[in-house]
Amino acid sequence: MEHPHVSFEVVRLTRDDATLGLVPERGALVASLVVSGREVLYLDQATLDDATKNVRGGIPVLFPYAGKLVDGRFVAAGTTMKQHGFGRNRPWVVEEKSASELRARLVEDADTQAQYPYTYEADYLVTALPRGLEVRLFVRNTGAKTMPLSPGWHPYFRCPAALKSEVTGNVEGFTADKLGNDREFDFGLLPPASGKTEFQIPELGRVSIDFSPGMRHMQFWSLPSKDFICLEPFFGPNDAINTERRLDVLPGKVEELWMRIELDR
């Protein structure tokens, strides 16, 4: 069966040496980050164009949680959700835009409410930096009950498949024996308490990934023969939204999480 292929609008943001390409209709995906003429992100264009698929590539925003749930069950509501929640698969509506910044809001519908029965506003601010980008997720609880969260981001960085074992970083336990191109790897580690991480990625050089210090998990993933490595800041590990490691948003409150990616000169 052939799947529908759609040309989704790409919104461009620029600042100094950086140009971003965003696709609001596809989960507010940052599909491209070009710094000094170099593409930083991996993207499987076919998955972006096929509306039935999860996009493989770019920087998906994972909402209301990152990772997997045990048996797919969201305990607080007694519902089920697929891996990484629904935010990456839903359209986000552009609320404001300038040359270097875009603010979008998640579109809710009956399907999202059936999975996550809370009343909220989720806004996403994407800003081009001189040599990278910053993303901020604002979640306001507009309802009467406490709302559990455990969001994150899933950046796909370009990296030649044969050189993945040469990636290094300042996260304790991130060692070459965990990497490689002969198998899928998928493991999580505790990032520095500061939320400041640095990685050396072949052909990209030094990449800093800084994020909210409250985000206390990083996931690392890749597939054999694929030219990417995913370095993923999560609020917590798999199933965190079902545990005391979650982020509880009280009624009337706003919680903000952020991530910043910059390339060295």
C-alpha atoms as a PDB file:
ATOM      1  CA  MET A   1       0.000   0.000   0.000  1.00  0.00           C
ATOM      2  CA  GLU A   2       1.338   3.409  -0.918  1.00  0.00           C
ATOM      3  CA  HIS A   3       1.442   5.981   1.836  1.00  0.00           C
ATOM      4  CA  PRO A   4       0.483   9.625   1.329  1.00  0.00           C
ATOM      5  CA  HIS A   5       3.423  11.901   0.694  1.00  0.00           C
ATOM      6  CA  VAL A   6       2.889  15.520   1.625  1.00  0.00           C
ATOM      7  CA  SER A   7       5.003  18.621   1.157  1.00  0.00           C
ATOM      8  CA  PHE A   8       4.946  20.241   4.582  1.00  0.00           C
ATOM      9  CA  GLU A   9       5.845  23.906   4.939  1.00  0.00           C
ATOM     10  CA  VAL A  10       9.373  24.535   6.208  1.00  0.00           C
ATOM     11  CA  VAL A  11       9.812  27.751   8.189  1.00  0.00           C
ATOM     12  CA  ARG A  12      13.319  29.267   8.136  1.00  0.00           C
ATOM     13  CA  LEU A  13      15.009  31.096  10.993  1.00  0.00           C
ATOM     14  CA  THR A  14      18.454  32.706  10.718  1.00  0.00           C
ATOM     15  CA  ARG A  15      21.001  34.416  12.900  1.00  0.00           C
ATOM     16  CA  ASP A  16      24.621  35.076  11.987  1.00  0.00           C
ATOM     17  CA  ASP A  17      26.150  31.715  10.932  1.00  0.00           C
ATOM     18  CA  ALA A  18      23.082  29.581  11.703  1.00  0.00           C
ATOM     19  CA  THR A  19      20.001  28.740   9.647  1.00  0.00           C
ATOM     20  CA  LEU A  20      17.173  26.577  10.998  1.00  0.00           C
ATOM     21  CA  GLY A  21      14.388  24.784   9.163  1.00  0.00           C
ATOM     22  CA  LEU A  22      11.230  24.004  11.167  1.00  0.00           C
ATOM     23  CA  VAL A  23       8.137  22.032  10.224  1.00  0.00           C
ATOM     24  CA  PRO A  24       5.302  23.122  12.567  1.00  0.00           C
ATOM     25  CA  GLU A  25       2.791  20.644  11.101  1.00  0.00           C
ATOM     26  CA  ARG A  26       5.123  17.715  11.879  1.00  0.00           C
ATOM     27  CA  GLY A  27       5.473  18.099  15.627  1.00  0.00           C
ATOM     28  CA  ALA A  28       7.264  21.474  15.424  1.00  0.00           C
ATOM     29  CA  LEU A  29      10.256  19.471  14.240  1.00  0.00           C
ATOM     30  CA  VAL A  30      13.573  21.243  13.834  1.00  0.00           C
ATOM     31  CA  ALA A  31      14.408  19.446  10.589  1.00  0.00           C
ATOM     32  CA  SER A  32      17.630  21.278   9.751  1.00  0.00           C
ATOM     33  CA  LEU A  33      20.387  23.207  11.510  1.00  0.00           C
ATOM     34  CA  VAL A  34      23.086  24.588   9.223  1.00  0.00           C
ATOM     35  CA  VAL A  35      26.069  26.298  10.868  1.00  0.00           C
ATOM     36  CA  SER A  36      28.732  27.902   8.678  1.00  0.00           C
ATOM     37  CA  GLY A  37      27.442  25.919   5.708  1.00  0.00           C
ATOM     38  CA  ARG A  38      27.507  22.532   7.495  1.00  0.00           C
ATOM     39  CA  GLU A  39      24.346  20.562   8.175  1.00  0.00           C
ATOM     40  CA  VAL A  40      24.430  19.454  11.804  1.00  0.00           C
ATOM     41  CA  LEU A  41      21.350  17.227  11.865  1.00  0.00           C
ATOM     42  CA  TYR A  42      20.523  13.918  10.208  1.00  0.00           C
ATOM     43  CA  LEU A  43      17.142  13.624   8.471  1.00  0.00           C
ATOM     44  CA  ASP A  44      15.467  10.764   6.648  1.00  0.00           C
ATOM     45  CA  GLN A  45      13.429  12.906   4.269  1.00  0.00           C
ATOM     46  CA  ALA A  46      11.096  10.041   3.306  1.00  0.00           C
ATOM     47  CA  THR A  47       9.855   9.743   6.890  1.00  0.00           C
ATOM     48  CA  LEU A  48       9.206  13.487   7.031  1.00  0.00           C
ATOM     49  CA  ASP A  49       7.186  13.397   3.821  1.00  0.00           C
ATOM     50  CA  ASP A  50       5.108  10.350   4.837  1.00  0.00           C
ATOM     51  CA  ALA A  51       2.415  11.528   7.259  1.00  0.00           C
ATOM     52  CA  THR A  52       1.862   7.974   8.541  1.00  0.00           C
ATOM     53  CA  LYS A  53       5.422   7.605   9.882  1.00  0.00           C
ATOM     54  CA  ASN A  54       7.333   8.904  12.868  1.00  0.00           C
ATOM     55  CA  VAL A  55       9.965  11.290  11.532  1.00  0.00           C
ATOM     56  CA  ARG A  56      13.450   9.851  11.844  1.00  0.00           C
ATOM     57  CA  GLY A  57      15.759  12.803  12.156  1.00  0.00           C
ATOM     58  CA  GLY A  58      15.982  16.435  13.161  1.00  0.00           C
ATOM     59  CA  ILE A  59      15.048  17.365  16.718  1.00  0.00           C
ATOM     60  CA  PRO A  60      11.669  15.947  17.766  1.00  0.00           C
ATOM     61  CA  VAL A  61      10.146  17.421  20.928  1.00  0.00           C
ATOM     62  CA  LEU A  62       8.889  14.614  23.174  1.00  0.00           C
ATOM     63  CA  PHE A  63       5.676  15.517  25.029  1.00  0.00           C
ATOM     64  CA  PRO A  64       4.142  14.768  27.488  1.00  0.00           C
ATOM     65  CA  TYR A  65       6.940  12.312  28.197  1.00  0.00           C
ATOM     66  CA  ALA A  66      10.165  10.963  26.721  1.00  0.00           C
ATOM     67  CA  GLY A  67      11.031   7.277  26.505  1.00  0.00           C
ATOM     68  CA  LYS A  68       8.827   4.234  26.938  1.00  0.00           C
ATOM     69  CA  LEU A  69       6.078   3.307  29.401  1.00  0.00           C
ATOM     70  CA  VAL A  70       5.793  -0.144  30.939  1.00  0.00           C
ATOM     71  CA  ASP A  71       3.196  -1.922  28.774  1.00  0.00           C
ATOM     72  CA  GLY A  72       2.411   1.491  27.272  1.00  0.00           C
ATOM     73  CA  ARG A  73       0.308   2.402  30.314  1.00  0.00           C
ATOM     74  CA  PHE A  74       0.025   5.940  31.648  1.00  0.00           C
ATOM     75  CA  VAL A  75      -0.868   5.121  35.236  1.00  0.00           C
ATOM     76  CA  ALA A  76      -2.218   8.484  36.456  1.00  0.00           C
ATOM     77  CA  ALA A  77      -5.009   8.482  33.869  1.00  0.00           C
ATOM     78  CA  GLY A  78      -5.370   4.750  33.240  1.00  0.00           C
ATOM     79  CA  THR A  79      -4.752   5.299  29.513  1.00  0.00           C
ATOM     80  CA  THR A  80      -2.145   4.132  27.017  1.00  0.00           C
ATOM     81  CA  MET A  81       0.381   6.111  25.009  1.00  0.00           C
ATOM     82  CA  LYS A  82       2.997   5.170  22.461  1.00  0.00           C
ATOM     83  CA  GLN A  83       6.719   5.713  22.935  1.00  0.00           C
ATOM     84  CA  HIS A  84       7.676   9.405  23.408  1.00  0.00           C
ATOM     85  CA  GLY A  85       4.050  10.547  23.664  1.00  0.00           C
ATOM     86  CA  PHE A  86       2.138  12.411  20.956  1.00  0.00           C
ATOM     87  CA  GLY A  87       3.688  15.887  20.723  1.00  0.00           C
ATOM     88  CA  ARG A  88       6.129  14.884  17.976  1.00  0.00           C
ATOM     89  CA  ASN A  89       3.255  13.679  15.768  1.00  0.00           C
ATOM     90  CA  ARG A  90       0.785  16.524  16.212  1.00  0.00           C
ATOM     91  CA  PRO A  91       0.614  19.875  14.419  1.00  0.00           C
ATOM     92  CA  TRP A  92       1.757  22.961  16.316  1.00  0.00           C
ATOM     93  CA  VAL A  93       0.263  26.306  15.295  1.00  0.00           C
ATOM     94  CA  VAL A  94       2.624  29.234  14.791  1.00  0.00           C
ATOM     95  CA  GLU A  95       1.650  32.027  17.193  1.00  0.00           C
ATOM     96  CA  GLU A  96       4.538  34.458  16.561  1.00  0.00           C
ATOM     97  CA  LYS A  97       7.511  34.619  14.229  1.00  0.00           C
ATOM     98  CA  SER A  98      10.471  36.898  13.603  1.00  0.00           C
ATOM     99  CA  ALA A  99      13.627  36.441  11.537  1.00  0.00           C
ATOM    100  CA  SER A 100      15.321  34.430  14.288  1.00  0.00           C
ATOM    101  CA  GLU A 101      12.528  33.170  16.541  1.00  0.00           C
ATOM    102  CA  LEU A 102       9.267  31.231  16.364  1.00  0.00           C
ATOM    103  CA  ARG A 103       6.652  30.440  18.985  1.00  0.00           C
ATOM    104  CA  ALA A 104       4.143  27.646  18.378  1.00  0.00           C
ATOM    105  CA  ARG A 105       1.340  25.994  20.383  1.00  0.00           C
ATOM    106  CA  LEU A 106       0.390  22.330  20.401  1.00  0.00           C
ATOM    107  CA  VAL A 107      -2.972  21.556  18.834  1.00  0.00           C
ATOM    108  CA  GLU A 108      -5.117  19.369  21.087  1.00  0.00           C
ATOM    109  CA  ASP A 109      -7.973  17.198  19.882  1.00  0.00           C
ATOM    110  CA  ALA A 110     -10.148  14.302  21.046  1.00  0.00           C
ATOM    111  CA  ASP A 111      -7.326  11.824  20.418  1.00  0.00           C
ATOM    112  CA  THR A 112      -4.788  13.654  22.592  1.00  0.00           C
ATOM    113  CA  GLN A 113      -7.391  14.154  25.335  1.00  0.00           C
ATOM    114  CA  ALA A 114      -8.192  10.450  25.307  1.00  0.00           C
ATOM    115  CA  GLN A 115      -4.514   9.716  25.991  1.00  0.00           C
ATOM    116  CA  TYR A 116      -3.717  12.628  28.291  1.00  0.00           C
ATOM    117  CA  PRO A 117      -6.893  13.993  29.915  1.00  0.00           C
ATOM    118  CA  TYR A 118      -5.566  17.283  31.265  1.00  0.00           C
ATOM    119  CA  THR A 119      -6.280  20.917  30.485  1.00  0.00           C
ATOM    120  CA  TYR A 120      -3.126  22.801  29.555  1.00  0.00           C
ATOM    121  CA  GLU A 121      -1.313  25.105  27.158  1.00  0.00           C
ATOM    122  CA  ALA A 122       1.946  23.824  25.649  1.00  0.00           C
ATOM    123  CA  ASP A 123       4.035  26.487  23.917  1.00  0.00           C
ATOM    124  CA  TYR A 124       7.319  25.953  22.117  1.00  0.00           C
ATOM    125  CA  LEU A 125       9.841  28.724  21.527  1.00  0.00           C
ATOM    126  CA  VAL A 126      12.612  28.060  18.989  1.00  0.00           C
ATOM    127  CA  THR A 127      15.414  30.616  18.684  1.00  0.00           C
ATOM    128  CA  ALA A 128      18.316  30.687  16.252  1.00  0.00           C
ATOM    129  CA  LEU A 129      21.636  31.435  17.967  1.00  0.00           C
ATOM    130  CA  PRO A 130      24.785  32.683  16.194  1.00  0.00           C
ATOM    131  CA  ARG A 131      26.144  29.107  15.984  1.00  0.00           C
ATOM    132  CA  GLY A 132      23.209  26.931  17.017  1.00  0.00           C
ATOM    133  CA  LEU A 133      19.763  27.055  18.521  1.00  0.00           C
ATOM    134  CA  GLU A 134      17.775  27.173  21.722  1.00  0.00           C
ATOM    135  CA  VAL A 135      14.395  25.516  22.329  1.00  0.00           C
ATOM    136  CA  ARG A 136      12.102  26.209  25.271  1.00  0.00           C
ATOM    137  CA  LEU A 137       8.979  24.291  26.230  1.00  0.00           C
ATOM    138  CA  PHE A 138       6.412  26.086  28.407  1.00  0.00           C
ATOM    139  CA  VAL A 139       3.581  24.033  29.887  1.00  0.00           C
ATOM    140  CA  ARG A 140       0.791  25.819  31.775  1.00  0.00           C
ATOM    141  CA  ASN A 141      -1.671  23.753  33.780  1.00  0.00           C
ATOM    142  CA  THR A 142      -5.029  25.455  33.160  1.00  0.00           C
ATOM    143  CA  GLY A 143      -7.046  22.735  34.883  1.00  0.00           C
ATOM    144  CA  ALA A 144      -7.920  21.817  38.458  1.00  0.00           C
ATOM    145  CA  LYS A 145      -5.747  18.725  38.930  1.00  0.00           C
ATOM    146  CA  THR A 146      -1.992  18.199  39.137  1.00  0.00           C
ATOM    147  CA  MET A 147      -0.526  17.271  35.766  1.00  0.00           C
ATOM    148  CA  PRO A 148       2.412  14.823  35.467  1.00  0.00           C
ATOM    149  CA  LEU A 149       5.128  15.377  32.846  1.00  0.00           C
ATOM    150  CA  SER A 150       8.484  13.948  31.820  1.00  0.00           C
ATOM    151  CA  PRO A 151       9.365  15.623  28.487  1.00  0.00           C
ATOM    152  CA  GLY A 152      12.579  15.681  26.493  1.00  0.00           C
ATOM    153  CA  TRP A 153      14.273  16.145  23.133  1.00  0.00           C
ATOM    154  CA  HIS A 154      15.640  13.641  20.612  1.00  0.00           C
ATOM    155  CA  PRO A 155      18.388  15.344  18.528  1.00  0.00           C
ATOM    156  CA  TYR A 156      19.796  13.317  15.616  1.00  0.00           C
ATOM    157  CA  PHE A 157      23.344  14.496  14.923  1.00  0.00           C
ATOM    158  CA  ARG A 158      25.081  13.699  11.649  1.00  0.00           C
ATOM    159  CA  CYS A 159      27.912  11.226  12.181  1.00  0.00           C
ATOM    160  CA  PRO A 160      29.447   8.819   9.638  1.00  0.00           C
ATOM    161  CA  ALA A 161      28.320   5.304  10.526  1.00  0.00           C
ATOM    162  CA  ALA A 162      31.863   3.941  10.598  1.00  0.00           C
ATOM    163  CA  LEU A 163      33.020   6.658  13.025  1.00  0.00           C
ATOM    164  CA  LYS A 164      30.370   6.457  15.757  1.00  0.00           C
ATOM    165  CA  SER A 165      32.767   4.774  18.185  1.00  0.00           C
ATOM    166  CA  GLU A 166      34.978   7.892  17.949  1.00  0.00           C
ATOM    167  CA  VAL A 167      32.322  10.154  19.518  1.00  0.00           C
ATOM    168  CA  THR A 168      33.419  11.308  22.978  1.00  0.00           C
ATOM    169  CA  GLY A 169      31.658  13.294  25.677  1.00  0.00           C
ATOM    170  CA  ASN A 170      31.793  14.503  29.265  1.00  0.00           C
ATOM    171  CA  VAL A 171      28.925  12.295  30.508  1.00  0.00           C
ATOM    172  CA  GLU A 172      30.197   9.732  32.997  1.00  0.00           C
ATOM    173  CA  GLY A 173      29.975   6.222  31.549  1.00  0.00           C
ATOM    174  CA  PHE A 174      29.826   7.414  27.930  1.00  0.00           C
ATOM    175  CA  THR A 175      32.596   5.199  26.567  1.00  0.00           C
ATOM    176  CA  ALA A 176      33.584   3.795  23.179  1.00  0.00           C
ATOM    177  CA  ASP A 177      32.667   0.214  24.136  1.00  0.00           C
ATOM    178  CA  LYS A 178      29.008   1.286  24.363  1.00  0.00           C
ATOM    179  CA  LEU A 179      29.058   2.665  20.814  1.00  0.00           C
ATOM    180  CA  GLY A 180      29.868   1.195  17.417  1.00  0.00           C
ATOM    181  CA  ASN A 181      28.278   0.459  14.063  1.00  0.00           C
ATOM    182  CA  ASP A 182      27.892  -3.329  14.336  1.00  0.00           C
ATOM    183  CA  ARG A 183      24.683  -3.214  16.361  1.00  0.00           C
ATOM    184  CA  GLU A 184      21.910  -0.992  17.624  1.00  0.00           C
ATOM    185  CA  PHE A 185      22.833   0.734  20.865  1.00  0.00           C
ATOM    186  CA  ASP A 186      20.285   2.297  23.197  1.00  0.00           C
ATOM    187  CA  PHE A 187      21.346   3.217  26.726  1.00  0.00           C
ATOM    188  CA  GLY A 188      20.813   5.945  29.306  1.00  0.00           C
ATOM    189  CA  LEU A 189      23.204   7.784  31.614  1.00  0.00           C
ATOM    190  CA  LEU A 190      23.087  10.477  34.295  1.00  0.00           C
ATOM    191  CA  PRO A 191      24.271  13.830  32.882  1.00  0.00           C
ATOM    192  CA  PRO A 192      26.285  16.398  34.843  1.00  0.00           C
ATOM    193  CA  ALA A 193      24.230  18.141  37.528  1.00  0.00           C
ATOM    194  CA  SER A 194      24.852  21.466  35.767  1.00  0.00           C
ATOM    195  CA  GLY A 195      23.075  20.291  32.623  1.00  0.00           C
ATOM    196  CA  LYS A 196      26.154  21.244  30.596  1.00  0.00           C
ATOM    197  CA  THR A 197      27.484  18.581  28.246  1.00  0.00           C
ATOM    198  CA  GLU A 198      30.101  18.594  25.499  1.00  0.00           C
ATOM    199  CA  PHE A 199      30.701  16.049  22.752  1.00  0.00           C
ATOM    200  CA  GLN A 200      33.260  15.646  19.999  1.00  0.00           C
ATOM    201  CA  ILE A 201      31.506  14.329  16.892  1.00  0.00           C
ATOM    202  CA  PRO A 202      33.479  13.385  13.757  1.00  0.00           C
ATOM    203  CA  GLU A 203      33.073  15.985  11.002  1.00  0.00           C
ATOM    204  CA  LEU A 204      31.142  18.347  13.320  1.00  0.00           C
ATOM    205  CA  GLY A 205      33.789  18.981  15.973  1.00  0.00           C
ATOM    206  CA  ARG A 206      32.886  20.146  19.466  1.00  0.00           C
ATOM    207  CA  VAL A 207      29.143  20.312  20.110  1.00  0.00           C
ATOM    208  CA  SER A 208      27.789  21.645  23.399  1.00  0.00           C
ATOM    209  CA  ILE A 209      24.348  20.503  24.535  1.00  0.00           C
ATOM    210  CA  ASP A 210      23.145  22.431  27.576  1.00  0.00           C
ATOM    211  CA  PHE A 211      19.735  21.928  29.160  1.00  0.00           C
ATOM    212  CA  SER A 212      17.623  22.583  32.238  1.00  0.00           C
ATOM    213  CA  PRO A 213      19.523  21.186  35.248  1.00  0.00           C
ATOM    214  CA  GLY A 214      16.280  19.529  36.364  1.00  0.00           C
ATOM    215  CA  MET A 215      16.540  17.201  33.384  1.00  0.00           C
ATOM    216  CA  ARG A 216      18.437  14.292  34.917  1.00  0.00           C
ATOM    217  CA  HIS A 217      18.761  11.755  32.106  1.00  0.00           C
ATOM    218  CA  MET A 218      20.424  11.421  28.710  1.00  0.00           C
ATOM    219  CA  GLN A 219      19.623   8.654  26.256  1.00  0.00           C
ATOM    220  CA  PHE A 220      22.043   7.563  23.513  1.00  0.00           C
ATOM    221  CA  TRP A 221      20.816   5.690  20.451  1.00  0.00           C
ATOM    222  CA  SER A 222      21.797   4.694  16.926  1.00  0.00           C
ATOM    223  CA  LEU A 223      21.257   1.975  14.349  1.00  0.00           C
ATOM    224  CA  PRO A 224      23.903   0.087  12.361  1.00  0.00           C
ATOM    225  CA  SER A 225      24.809   1.530   8.951  1.00  0.00           C
ATOM    226  CA  LYS A 226      22.997   4.799   9.709  1.00  0.00           C
ATOM    227  CA  ASP A 227      24.903   8.082   9.651  1.00  0.00           C
ATOM    228  CA  PHE A 228      23.601   9.494  12.918  1.00  0.00           C
ATOM    229  CA  ILE A 229      24.002   9.428  16.660  1.00  0.00           C
ATOM    230  CA  CYS A 230      21.204  10.577  18.959  1.00  0.00           C
ATOM    231  CA  LEU A 231      22.201  12.485  22.109  1.00  0.00           C
ATOM    232  CA  GLU A 232      18.912  12.980  23.934  1.00  0.00           C
ATOM    233  CA  PRO A 233      18.250  15.076  27.054  1.00  0.00           C
ATOM    234  CA  PHE A 234      15.230  13.658  28.923  1.00  0.00           C
ATOM    235  CA  PHE A 235      13.613  14.896  32.124  1.00  0.00           C
ATOM    236  CA  GLY A 236      13.811  11.313  33.383  1.00  0.00           C
ATOM    237  CA  PRO A 237      14.375   7.760  32.132  1.00  0.00           C
ATOM    238  CA  ASN A 238      11.813   5.334  30.712  1.00  0.00           C
ATOM    239  CA  ASP A 239       8.521   5.304  32.646  1.00  0.00           C
ATOM    240  CA  ALA A 240       9.536   8.341  34.745  1.00  0.00           C
ATOM    241  CA  ILE A 241       6.102   9.917  34.252  1.00  0.00           C
ATOM    242  CA  ASN A 242       4.697   6.962  36.233  1.00  0.00           C
ATOM    243  CA  THR A 243       7.143   7.401  39.121  1.00  0.00           C
ATOM    244  CA  GLU A 244       8.202  10.004  41.679  1.00  0.00           C
ATOM    245  CA  ARG A 245      10.877  11.165  39.203  1.00  0.00           C
ATOM    246  CA  ARG A 246       8.202  12.920  37.139  1.00  0.00           C
ATOM    247  CA  LEU A 247       7.595  16.669  36.995  1.00  0.00           C
ATOM    248  CA  ASP A 248       4.264  17.596  38.618  1.00  0.00           C
ATOM    249  CA  VAL A 249       2.684  20.799  37.294  1.00  0.00           C
ATOM    250  CA  LEU A 250       0.297  22.234  39.861  1.00  0.00           C
ATOM    251  CA  PRO A 251      -2.969  23.925  38.808  1.00  0.00           C
ATOM    252  CA  GLY A 252      -2.351  27.449  37.575  1.00  0.00           C
ATOM    253  CA  LYS A 253       1.415  26.964  37.363  1.00  0.00           C
ATOM    254  CA  VAL A 254       3.794  27.080  34.390  1.00  0.00           C
ATOM    255  CA  GLU A 255       6.834  24.828  34.043  1.00  0.00           C
ATOM    256  CA  GLU A 256       9.636  25.626  31.606  1.00  0.00           C
ATOM    257  CA  LEU A 257      12.314  23.325  30.198  1.00  0.00           C
ATOM    258  CA  TRP A 258      15.012  24.311  27.728  1.00  0.00           C
ATOM    259  CA  MET A 259      17.851  22.934  25.607  1.00  0.00           C
ATOM    260  CA  ARG A 260      20.644  24.763  23.798  1.00  0.00           C
ATOM    261  CA  ILE A 261      22.876  23.309  21.057  1.00  0.00           C
ATOM    262  CA  GLU A 262      25.955  25.203  19.862  1.00  0.00           C
ATOM    263  CA  LEU A 263      28.920  24.334  17.641  1.00  0.00           C
ATOM    264  CA  ASP A 264      32.416  25.456  18.438  1.00  0.00           C
ATOM    265  CA  ARG A 265      34.080  27.862  16.047  1.00  0.00           C
END
